[in-house]
Amino acid sequence: MTALAIFLIVYGIAVIAIAFLKPAPIWNLGKIQGFVKALTERGTVIFFIVWGAAALIAGIVILT
């Protein structure tokens, strides 16, 4: 379970970083651009922040 918790924490941090930094090679992927078309740019950023926070919280809860 510790490995899962660490993975979720790292994944959550990575997703939140992608949401804030919007690195071009990742942000221009087809799947993310599909999110942008459906949710707009702001909605996609909010979705990523919520998804990353959920993963981060789940990882912390599993560790404790």
PDB file of N, CA and C in Angstrom:
ATOM      1  N   MET A   1       0.813  -1.194   0.000  1.00  0.00           N
ATOM      2  CA  MET A   1       0.000   0.000   0.000  1.00  0.00           C
ATOM      3  C   MET A   1       0.858   1.261   0.000  1.00  0.00           C
ATOM      4  N   THR A   2       2.044   1.154   0.549  1.00  0.00           N
ATOM      5  CA  THR A   2       2.919   2.316   0.594  1.00  0.00           C
ATOM      6  C   THR A   2       3.301   2.754  -0.821  1.00  0.00           C
ATOM      7  N   ALA A   3       3.547   1.801  -1.698  1.00  0.00           N
ATOM      8  CA  ALA A   3       3.919   2.137  -3.068  1.00  0.00           C
ATOM      9  C   ALA A   3       2.767   2.859  -3.768  1.00  0.00           C
ATOM     10  N   LEU A   4       1.545   2.410  -3.549  1.00  0.00           N
ATOM     11  CA  LEU A   4       0.375   3.064  -4.132  1.00  0.00           C
ATOM     12  C   LEU A   4       0.242   4.492  -3.610  1.00  0.00           C
ATOM     13  N   ALA A   5       0.444   4.669  -2.319  1.00  0.00           N
ATOM     14  CA  ALA A   5       0.337   5.993  -1.716  1.00  0.00           C
ATOM     15  C   ALA A   5       1.379   6.943  -2.298  1.00  0.00           C
ATOM     16  N   ILE A   6       2.598   6.477  -2.424  1.00  0.00           N
ATOM     17  CA  ILE A   6       3.660   7.313  -2.979  1.00  0.00           C
ATOM     18  C   ILE A   6       3.363   7.647  -4.437  1.00  0.00           C
ATOM     19  N   PHE A   7       2.886   6.665  -5.191  1.00  0.00           N
ATOM     20  CA  PHE A   7       2.515   6.910  -6.586  1.00  0.00           C
ATOM     21  C   PHE A   7       1.425   7.972  -6.684  1.00  0.00           C
ATOM     22  N   LEU A   8       0.396   7.865  -5.849  1.00  0.00           N
ATOM     23  CA  LEU A   8      -0.699   8.833  -5.888  1.00  0.00           C
ATOM     24  C   LEU A   8      -0.236  10.236  -5.521  1.00  0.00           C
ATOM     25  N   ILE A   9       0.660  10.328  -4.565  1.00  0.00           N
ATOM     26  CA  ILE A   9       1.183  11.639  -4.179  1.00  0.00           C
ATOM     27  C   ILE A   9       1.994  12.247  -5.317  1.00  0.00           C
ATOM     28  N   VAL A  10       2.871  11.485  -5.916  1.00  0.00           N
ATOM     29  CA  VAL A  10       3.681  11.987  -7.035  1.00  0.00           C
ATOM     30  C   VAL A  10       2.783  12.327  -8.225  1.00  0.00           C
ATOM     31  N   TYR A  11       1.798  11.474  -8.512  1.00  0.00           N
ATOM     32  CA  TYR A  11       0.866  11.706  -9.610  1.00  0.00           C
ATOM     33  C   TYR A  11       0.067  12.988  -9.375  1.00  0.00           C
ATOM     34  N   GLY A  12      -0.418  13.171  -8.161  1.00  0.00           N
ATOM     35  CA  GLY A  12      -1.185  14.371  -7.835  1.00  0.00           C
ATOM     36  C   GLY A  12      -0.369  15.630  -8.013  1.00  0.00           C
ATOM     37  N   ILE A  13       0.866  15.602  -7.554  1.00  0.00           N
ATOM     38  CA  ILE A  13       1.751  16.761  -7.713  1.00  0.00           C
ATOM     39  C   ILE A  13       2.018  17.020  -9.191  1.00  0.00           C
ATOM     40  N   ALA A  14       2.235  15.973  -9.967  1.00  0.00           N
ATOM     41  CA  ALA A  14       2.498  16.135 -11.403  1.00  0.00           C
ATOM     42  C   ALA A  14       1.293  16.731 -12.125  1.00  0.00           C
ATOM     43  N   VAL A  15       0.095  16.257 -11.813  1.00  0.00           N
ATOM     44  CA  VAL A  15      -1.107  16.764 -12.472  1.00  0.00           C
ATOM     45  C   VAL A  15      -1.337  18.234 -12.121  1.00  0.00           C
ATOM     46  N   ILE A  16      -1.143  18.595 -10.876  1.00  0.00           N
ATOM     47  CA  ILE A  16      -1.311  19.990 -10.471  1.00  0.00           C
ATOM     48  C   ILE A  16      -0.253  20.870 -11.144  1.00  0.00           C
ATOM     49  N   ALA A  17       0.976  20.375 -11.246  1.00  0.00           N
ATOM     50  CA  ALA A  17       2.033  21.133 -11.919  1.00  0.00           C
ATOM     51  C   ALA A  17       1.698  21.334 -13.399  1.00  0.00           C
ATOM     52  N   ILE A  18       1.175  20.308 -14.041  1.00  0.00           N
ATOM     53  CA  ILE A  18       0.777  20.431 -15.446  1.00  0.00           C
ATOM     54  C   ILE A  18      -0.338  21.459 -15.597  1.00  0.00           C
ATOM     55  N   ALA A  19      -1.273  21.462 -14.657  1.00  0.00           N
ATOM     56  CA  ALA A  19      -2.381  22.418 -14.729  1.00  0.00           C
ATOM     57  C   ALA A  19      -1.879  23.852 -14.620  1.00  0.00           C
ATOM     58  N   PHE A  20      -0.929  24.107 -13.744  1.00  0.00           N
ATOM     59  CA  PHE A  20      -0.442  25.465 -13.546  1.00  0.00           C
ATOM     60  C   PHE A  20       0.585  25.890 -14.588  1.00  0.00           C
ATOM     61  N   LEU A  21       1.496  24.994 -14.943  1.00  0.00           N
ATOM     62  CA  LEU A  21       2.589  25.351 -15.852  1.00  0.00           C
ATOM     63  C   LEU A  21       2.216  25.225 -17.327  1.00  0.00           C
ATOM     64  N   LYS A  22       1.279  24.344 -17.652  1.00  0.00           N
ATOM     65  CA  LYS A  22       0.832  24.087 -19.026  1.00  0.00           C
ATOM     66  C   LYS A  22       2.003  23.884 -19.993  1.00  0.00           C
ATOM     67  N   PRO A  23       2.858  22.892 -19.751  1.00  0.00           N
ATOM     68  CA  PRO A  23       3.973  22.659 -20.675  1.00  0.00           C
ATOM     69  C   PRO A  23       3.441  22.279 -22.063  1.00  0.00           C
ATOM     70  N   ALA A  24       3.948  22.924 -23.088  1.00  0.00           N
ATOM     71  CA  ALA A  24       3.432  22.767 -24.451  1.00  0.00           C
ATOM     72  C   ALA A  24       3.390  21.317 -24.944  1.00  0.00           C
ATOM     73  N   PRO A  25       4.449  20.511 -24.748  1.00  0.00           N
ATOM     74  CA  PRO A  25       4.381  19.142 -25.266  1.00  0.00           C
ATOM     75  C   PRO A  25       3.245  18.322 -24.644  1.00  0.00           C
ATOM     76  N   ILE A  26       2.923  18.596 -23.413  1.00  0.00           N
ATOM     77  CA  ILE A  26       1.852  17.859 -22.749  1.00  0.00           C
ATOM     78  C   ILE A  26       0.504  18.513 -23.013  1.00  0.00           C
ATOM     79  N   TRP A  27       0.456  19.832 -22.927  1.00  0.00           N
ATOM     80  CA  TRP A  27      -0.806  20.561 -23.066  1.00  0.00           C
ATOM     81  C   TRP A  27      -1.385  20.427 -24.470  1.00  0.00           C
ATOM     82  N   ASN A  28      -0.558  20.184 -25.471  1.00  0.00           N
ATOM     83  CA  ASN A  28      -1.024  20.070 -26.853  1.00  0.00           C
ATOM     84  C   ASN A  28      -1.386  18.648 -27.260  1.00  0.00           C
ATOM     85  N   LEU A  29      -1.376  17.708 -26.326  1.00  0.00           N
ATOM     86  CA  LEU A  29      -1.799  16.343 -26.635  1.00  0.00           C
ATOM     87  C   LEU A  29      -3.274  16.339 -27.016  1.00  0.00           C
ATOM     88  N   GLY A  30      -3.646  15.423 -27.875  1.00  0.00           N
ATOM     89  CA  GLY A  30      -5.017  15.363 -28.374  1.00  0.00           C
ATOM     90  C   GLY A  30      -6.056  15.200 -27.290  1.00  0.00           C
ATOM     91  N   LYS A  31      -5.789  14.358 -26.321  1.00  0.00           N
ATOM     92  CA  LYS A  31      -6.756  14.115 -25.254  1.00  0.00           C
ATOM     93  C   LYS A  31      -6.982  15.378 -24.416  1.00  0.00           C
ATOM     94  N   ILE A  32      -5.933  16.084 -24.101  1.00  0.00           N
ATOM     95  CA  ILE A  32      -6.077  17.311 -23.313  1.00  0.00           C
ATOM     96  C   ILE A  32      -6.772  18.390 -24.141  1.00  0.00           C
ATOM     97  N   GLN A  33      -6.471  18.466 -25.421  1.00  0.00           N
ATOM     98  CA  GLN A  33      -7.155  19.438 -26.265  1.00  0.00           C
ATOM     99  C   GLN A  33      -8.642  19.106 -26.397  1.00  0.00           C
ATOM    100  N   GLY A  34      -8.988  17.824 -26.316  1.00  0.00           N
ATOM    101  CA  GLY A  34     -10.399  17.441 -26.272  1.00  0.00           C
ATOM    102  C   GLY A  34     -11.074  17.977 -25.024  1.00  0.00           C
ATOM    103  N   PHE A  35     -10.369  17.914 -23.892  1.00  0.00           N
ATOM    104  CA  PHE A  35     -10.884  18.502 -22.653  1.00  0.00           C
ATOM    105  C   PHE A  35     -11.054  20.012 -22.815  1.00  0.00           C
ATOM    106  N   VAL A  36     -10.086  20.663 -23.449  1.00  0.00           N
ATOM    107  CA  VAL A  36     -10.147  22.112 -23.635  1.00  0.00           C
ATOM    108  C   VAL A  36     -11.361  22.481 -24.493  1.00  0.00           C
ATOM    109  N   LYS A  37     -11.635  21.702 -25.537  1.00  0.00           N
ATOM    110  CA  LYS A  37     -12.798  21.985 -26.379  1.00  0.00           C
ATOM    111  C   LYS A  37     -14.101  21.778 -25.623  1.00  0.00           C
ATOM    112  N   ALA A  38     -14.135  20.760 -24.779  1.00  0.00           N
ATOM    113  CA  ALA A  38     -15.371  20.451 -24.050  1.00  0.00           C
ATOM    114  C   ALA A  38     -15.570  21.360 -22.837  1.00  0.00           C
ATOM    115  N   LEU A  39     -14.493  21.659 -22.121  1.00  0.00           N
ATOM    116  CA  LEU A  39     -14.607  22.377 -20.852  1.00  0.00           C
ATOM    117  C   LEU A  39     -14.069  23.802 -20.891  1.00  0.00           C
ATOM    118  N   THR A  40     -13.501  24.231 -21.953  1.00  0.00           N
ATOM    119  CA  THR A  40     -12.742  25.473 -22.118  1.00  0.00           C
ATOM    120  C   THR A  40     -11.411  25.360 -21.366  1.00  0.00           C
ATOM    121  N   GLU A  41     -10.550  26.315 -21.601  1.00  0.00           N
ATOM    122  CA  GLU A  41      -9.212  26.299 -20.988  1.00  0.00           C
ATOM    123  C   GLU A  41      -9.307  26.357 -19.461  1.00  0.00           C
ATOM    124  N   ARG A  42     -10.121  27.269 -18.970  1.00  0.00           N
ATOM    125  CA  ARG A  42     -10.258  27.438 -17.517  1.00  0.00           C
ATOM    126  C   ARG A  42     -10.872  26.199 -16.870  1.00  0.00           C
ATOM    127  N   GLY A  43     -11.874  25.625 -17.505  1.00  0.00           N
ATOM    128  CA  GLY A  43     -12.507  24.426 -16.977  1.00  0.00           C
ATOM    129  C   GLY A  43     -11.548  23.247 -16.923  1.00  0.00           C
ATOM    130  N   THR A  44     -10.698  23.137 -17.929  1.00  0.00           N
ATOM    131  CA  THR A  44      -9.706  22.063 -17.953  1.00  0.00           C
ATOM    132  C   THR A  44      -8.708  22.230 -16.817  1.00  0.00           C
ATOM    133  N   VAL A  45      -8.264  23.448 -16.582  1.00  0.00           N
ATOM    134  CA  VAL A  45      -7.319  23.704 -15.487  1.00  0.00           C
ATOM    135  C   VAL A  45      -7.979  23.357 -14.148  1.00  0.00           C
ATOM    136  N   ILE A  46      -9.222  23.771 -13.964  1.00  0.00           N
ATOM    137  CA  ILE A  46      -9.941  23.460 -12.721  1.00  0.00           C
ATOM    138  C   ILE A  46     -10.100  21.956 -12.564  1.00  0.00           C
ATOM    139  N   PHE A  47     -10.459  21.267 -13.641  1.00  0.00           N
ATOM    140  CA  PHE A  47     -10.599  19.809 -13.598  1.00  0.00           C
ATOM    141  C   PHE A  47      -9.291  19.152 -13.190  1.00  0.00           C
ATOM    142  N   PHE A  48      -8.179  19.587 -13.777  1.00  0.00           N
ATOM    143  CA  PHE A  48      -6.878  19.007 -13.445  1.00  0.00           C
ATOM    144  C   PHE A  48      -6.504  19.271 -11.992  1.00  0.00           C
ATOM    145  N   ILE A  49      -6.784  20.465 -11.510  1.00  0.00           N
ATOM    146  CA  ILE A  49      -6.458  20.786 -10.125  1.00  0.00           C
ATOM    147  C   ILE A  49      -7.271  19.907  -9.173  1.00  0.00           C
ATOM    148  N   VAL A  50      -8.559  19.748  -9.456  1.00  0.00           N
ATOM    149  CA  VAL A  50      -9.410  18.910  -8.602  1.00  0.00           C
ATOM    150  C   VAL A  50      -8.952  17.460  -8.662  1.00  0.00           C
ATOM    151  N   TRP A  51      -8.661  16.961  -9.860  1.00  0.00           N
ATOM    152  CA  TRP A  51      -8.215  15.571 -10.028  1.00  0.00           C
ATOM    153  C   TRP A  51      -6.871  15.343  -9.322  1.00  0.00           C
ATOM    154  N   GLY A  52      -5.947  16.277  -9.470  1.00  0.00           N
ATOM    155  CA  GLY A  52      -4.643  16.162  -8.814  1.00  0.00           C
ATOM    156  C   GLY A  52      -4.768  16.235  -7.306  1.00  0.00           C
ATOM    157  N   ALA A  53      -5.631  17.126  -6.816  1.00  0.00           N
ATOM    158  CA  ALA A  53      -5.830  17.240  -5.369  1.00  0.00           C
ATOM    159  C   ALA A  53      -6.454  15.966  -4.810  1.00  0.00           C
ATOM    160  N   ALA A  54      -7.383  15.381  -5.551  1.00  0.00           N
ATOM    161  CA  ALA A  54      -8.004  14.131  -5.098  1.00  0.00           C
ATOM    162  C   ALA A  54      -6.964  13.015  -4.997  1.00  0.00           C
ATOM    163  N   ALA A  55      -6.097  12.915  -5.988  1.00  0.00           N
ATOM    164  CA  ALA A  55      -5.041  11.895  -5.946  1.00  0.00           C
ATOM    165  C   ALA A  55      -4.081  12.158  -4.804  1.00  0.00           C
ATOM    166  N   LEU A  56      -3.735  13.420  -4.600  1.00  0.00           N
ATOM    167  CA  LEU A  56      -2.816  13.790  -3.531  1.00  0.00           C
ATOM    168  C   LEU A  56      -3.418  13.463  -2.167  1.00  0.00           C
ATOM    169  N   ILE A  57      -4.656  13.811  -1.962  1.00  0.00           N
ATOM    170  CA  ILE A  57      -5.341  13.529  -0.688  1.00  0.00           C
ATOM    171  C   ILE A  57      -5.477  12.031  -0.478  1.00  0.00           C
ATOM    172  N   ALA A  58      -5.817  11.293  -1.538  1.00  0.00           N
ATOM    173  CA  ALA A  58      -5.937   9.838  -1.401  1.00  0.00           C
ATOM    174  C   ALA A  58      -4.599   9.215  -1.006  1.00  0.00           C
ATOM    175  N   GLY A  59      -3.517   9.692  -1.596  1.00  0.00           N
ATOM    176  CA  GLY A  59      -2.202   9.175  -1.247  1.00  0.00           C
ATOM    177  C   GLY A  59      -1.823   9.477   0.195  1.00  0.00           C
ATOM    178  N   ILE A  60      -2.153  10.664   0.648  1.00  0.00           N
ATOM    179  CA  ILE A  60      -1.854  11.017   2.034  1.00  0.00           C
ATOM    180  C   ILE A  60      -2.704  10.203   3.011  1.00  0.00           C
ATOM    181  N   VAL A  61      -3.971   9.999   2.665  1.00  0.00           N
ATOM    182  CA  VAL A  61      -4.849   9.197   3.538  1.00  0.00           C
ATOM    183  C   VAL A  61      -4.365   7.754   3.614  1.00  0.00           C
ATOM    184  N   ILE A  62      -3.918   7.207   2.508  1.00  0.00           N
ATOM    185  CA  ILE A  62      -3.426   5.821   2.511  1.00  0.00           C
ATOM    186  C   ILE A  62      -2.164   5.712   3.371  1.00  0.00           C
ATOM    187  N   LEU A  63      -1.323   6.735   3.351  1.00  0.00           N
ATOM    188  CA  LEU A  63      -0.098   6.686   4.154  1.00  0.00           C
ATOM    189  C   LEU A  63      -0.372   6.759   5.647  1.00  0.00           C
ATOM    190  N   THR A  64      -1.444   7.425   6.031  1.00  0.00           N
ATOM    191  CA  THR A  64      -1.711   7.590   7.457  1.00  0.00           C
ATOM    192  C   THR A  64      -2.552   6.508   8.029  1.00  0.00           C
TER     193      THR A  64
END
